[in-house]
Amino acid sequence: MSRPARRALTVADLLANPTVSFALKAVILAWEQRDPVDAARDAHLLADVFAHRADEAVSWIG
């Protein structure tokens, strides 16, 4: 039995979620009026940079 497709999260979902950090909510509010393509591109770039920083930060463990 397959699961039903999961609905994509919305800005409203994230802002209403108490587990989403205040820092992320501030970015969402600041970027909400931007062109969505530009905002998505910037978000992907930031995700890549911070993922790399996180990998470097824990690389000494293994």
N, C-alpha and C. Protein backbone atom coordinates (compact mmCIF):
# COMPACT_ATOMS: atom_id res chain seq x y z
N MET A 1 0.85 -1.18 0.00
CA MET A 1 0.00 0.00 0.00
C MET A 1 0.89 1.23 0.00
N SER A 2 0.65 2.14 -0.93
CA SER A 2 1.47 3.34 -1.00
C SER A 2 0.87 4.44 -0.13
N ARG A 3 1.76 5.30 0.31
CA ARG A 3 1.31 6.43 1.12
C ARG A 3 0.82 7.55 0.22
N PRO A 4 -0.13 8.34 0.69
CA PRO A 4 -0.56 9.50 -0.11
C PRO A 4 0.57 10.52 -0.21
N ALA A 5 0.58 11.27 -1.29
CA ALA A 5 1.61 12.30 -1.48
C ALA A 5 1.54 13.31 -0.33
N ARG A 6 2.72 13.68 0.14
CA ARG A 6 2.78 14.65 1.24
C ARG A 6 2.66 16.06 0.69
N ARG A 7 1.84 16.86 1.33
CA ARG A 7 1.63 18.25 0.93
C ARG A 7 2.88 19.07 1.21
N ALA A 8 3.22 19.95 0.30
CA ALA A 8 4.38 20.83 0.49
C ALA A 8 4.09 21.81 1.62
N LEU A 9 5.11 22.08 2.42
CA LEU A 9 4.96 23.07 3.48
C LEU A 9 4.80 24.47 2.88
N THR A 10 4.07 25.30 3.57
CA THR A 10 3.89 26.69 3.14
C THR A 10 4.56 27.63 4.13
N VAL A 11 4.66 28.88 3.73
CA VAL A 11 5.19 29.91 4.64
C VAL A 11 4.36 29.94 5.91
N ALA A 12 3.05 29.88 5.77
CA ALA A 12 2.16 29.91 6.94
C ALA A 12 2.41 28.71 7.85
N ASP A 13 2.65 27.54 7.26
CA ASP A 13 2.95 26.35 8.07
C ASP A 13 4.20 26.57 8.92
N LEU A 14 5.23 27.10 8.29
CA LEU A 14 6.49 27.30 9.02
C LEU A 14 6.36 28.36 10.10
N LEU A 15 5.68 29.45 9.79
CA LEU A 15 5.51 30.51 10.78
C LEU A 15 4.66 30.07 11.97
N ALA A 16 3.73 29.16 11.74
CA ALA A 16 2.86 28.68 12.82
C ALA A 16 3.49 27.55 13.63
N ASN A 17 4.55 26.97 13.13
CA ASN A 17 5.17 25.82 13.78
C ASN A 17 6.07 26.27 14.93
N PRO A 18 5.78 25.87 16.17
CA PRO A 18 6.59 26.31 17.31
C PRO A 18 7.99 25.69 17.33
N THR A 19 8.24 24.68 16.53
CA THR A 19 9.58 24.07 16.50
C THR A 19 10.51 24.75 15.51
N VAL A 20 9.98 25.64 14.68
CA VAL A 20 10.82 26.39 13.74
C VAL A 20 11.48 27.53 14.50
N SER A 21 12.78 27.68 14.32
CA SER A 21 13.54 28.68 15.09
C SER A 21 13.10 30.11 14.75
N PHE A 22 13.31 30.99 15.70
CA PHE A 22 13.01 32.40 15.48
C PHE A 22 13.89 32.96 14.38
N ALA A 23 15.13 32.48 14.29
CA ALA A 23 16.04 32.95 13.24
C ALA A 23 15.49 32.62 11.85
N LEU A 24 15.00 31.39 11.67
CA LEU A 24 14.44 31.01 10.38
C LEU A 24 13.15 31.78 10.10
N LYS A 25 12.34 31.98 11.11
CA LYS A 25 11.11 32.75 10.91
C LYS A 25 11.43 34.18 10.49
N ALA A 26 12.49 34.76 11.03
CA ALA A 26 12.88 36.12 10.65
C ALA A 26 13.30 36.15 9.17
N VAL A 27 14.03 35.15 8.73
CA VAL A 27 14.42 35.07 7.31
C VAL A 27 13.19 34.90 6.43
N ILE A 28 12.28 34.04 6.85
CA ILE A 28 11.05 33.82 6.07
C ILE A 28 10.29 35.14 5.91
N LEU A 29 10.14 35.88 6.99
CA LEU A 29 9.41 37.14 6.92
C LEU A 29 10.14 38.16 6.05
N ALA A 30 11.46 38.19 6.13
CA ALA A 30 12.24 39.13 5.33
C ALA A 30 12.22 38.76 3.85
N TRP A 31 12.20 37.48 3.55
CA TRP A 31 12.29 37.01 2.17
C TRP A 31 10.93 36.75 1.53
N GLU A 32 9.88 36.80 2.28
CA GLU A 32 8.55 36.43 1.77
C GLU A 32 8.13 37.27 0.55
N GLN A 33 8.53 38.51 0.50
CA GLN A 33 8.13 39.39 -0.60
C GLN A 33 9.11 39.38 -1.78
N ARG A 34 10.20 38.63 -1.65
CA ARG A 34 11.19 38.56 -2.73
C ARG A 34 10.67 37.71 -3.88
N ASP A 35 11.33 37.84 -5.01
CA ASP A 35 11.06 36.95 -6.12
C ASP A 35 11.34 35.52 -5.65
N PRO A 36 10.41 34.59 -5.80
CA PRO A 36 10.60 33.25 -5.26
C PRO A 36 11.77 32.49 -5.89
N VAL A 37 12.07 32.76 -7.15
CA VAL A 37 13.21 32.10 -7.80
C VAL A 37 14.52 32.58 -7.18
N ASP A 38 14.64 33.90 -6.99
CA ASP A 38 15.84 34.44 -6.36
C ASP A 38 15.98 33.95 -4.92
N ALA A 39 14.87 33.94 -4.17
CA ALA A 39 14.92 33.48 -2.79
C ALA A 39 15.30 32.01 -2.71
N ALA A 40 14.76 31.19 -3.60
CA ALA A 40 15.10 29.76 -3.61
C ALA A 40 16.57 29.56 -3.95
N ARG A 41 17.07 30.30 -4.92
CA ARG A 41 18.48 30.19 -5.30
C ARG A 41 19.38 30.56 -4.12
N ASP A 42 19.06 31.67 -3.45
CA ASP A 42 19.84 32.09 -2.29
C ASP A 42 19.75 31.07 -1.15
N ALA A 43 18.56 30.52 -0.94
CA ALA A 43 18.38 29.53 0.13
C ALA A 43 19.22 28.28 -0.15
N HIS A 44 19.26 27.84 -1.40
CA HIS A 44 20.07 26.67 -1.75
C HIS A 44 21.56 26.96 -1.54
N LEU A 45 21.99 28.16 -1.91
CA LEU A 45 23.39 28.53 -1.71
C LEU A 45 23.74 28.54 -0.22
N LEU A 46 22.88 29.14 0.59
CA LEU A 46 23.12 29.15 2.03
C LEU A 46 23.13 27.73 2.60
N ALA A 47 22.21 26.90 2.16
CA ALA A 47 22.16 25.51 2.64
C ALA A 47 23.45 24.79 2.31
N ASP A 48 23.97 24.98 1.09
CA ASP A 48 25.23 24.34 0.71
C ASP A 48 26.39 24.81 1.58
N VAL A 49 26.47 26.13 1.79
CA VAL A 49 27.56 26.69 2.60
C VAL A 49 27.50 26.17 4.03
N PHE A 50 26.32 26.19 4.64
CA PHE A 50 26.21 25.75 6.03
C PHE A 50 26.34 24.24 6.17
N ALA A 51 25.93 23.48 5.18
CA ALA A 51 26.14 22.04 5.21
C ALA A 51 27.64 21.73 5.18
N HIS A 52 28.37 22.47 4.37
CA HIS A 52 29.83 22.29 4.31
C HIS A 52 30.48 22.66 5.64
N ARG A 53 30.04 23.77 6.24
CA ARG A 53 30.57 24.18 7.55
C ARG A 53 30.27 23.13 8.61
N ALA A 54 29.06 22.58 8.57
CA ALA A 54 28.69 21.55 9.54
C ALA A 54 29.55 20.30 9.35
N ASP A 55 29.78 19.90 8.10
CA ASP A 55 30.65 18.75 7.83
C ASP A 55 32.06 18.98 8.38
N GLU A 56 32.58 20.19 8.16
CA GLU A 56 33.92 20.52 8.67
C GLU A 56 33.94 20.50 10.19
N ALA A 57 32.89 20.98 10.80
CA ALA A 57 32.84 21.06 12.26
C ALA A 57 32.84 19.70 12.92
N VAL A 58 32.26 18.70 12.26
CA VAL A 58 32.20 17.37 12.86
C VAL A 58 33.21 16.40 12.26
N SER A 59 34.02 16.87 11.33
CA SER A 59 34.96 15.97 10.65
C SER A 59 36.02 15.42 11.60
N TRP A 60 36.32 16.10 12.68
CA TRP A 60 37.31 15.63 13.63
C TRP A 60 36.82 14.41 14.42
N ILE A 61 35.50 14.19 14.41
CA ILE A 61 34.93 13.08 15.17
C ILE A 61 35.29 11.74 14.55
N GLY A 62 35.21 11.67 13.21
CA GLY A 62 35.40 10.39 12.55
C GLY A 62 36.73 10.26 11.94
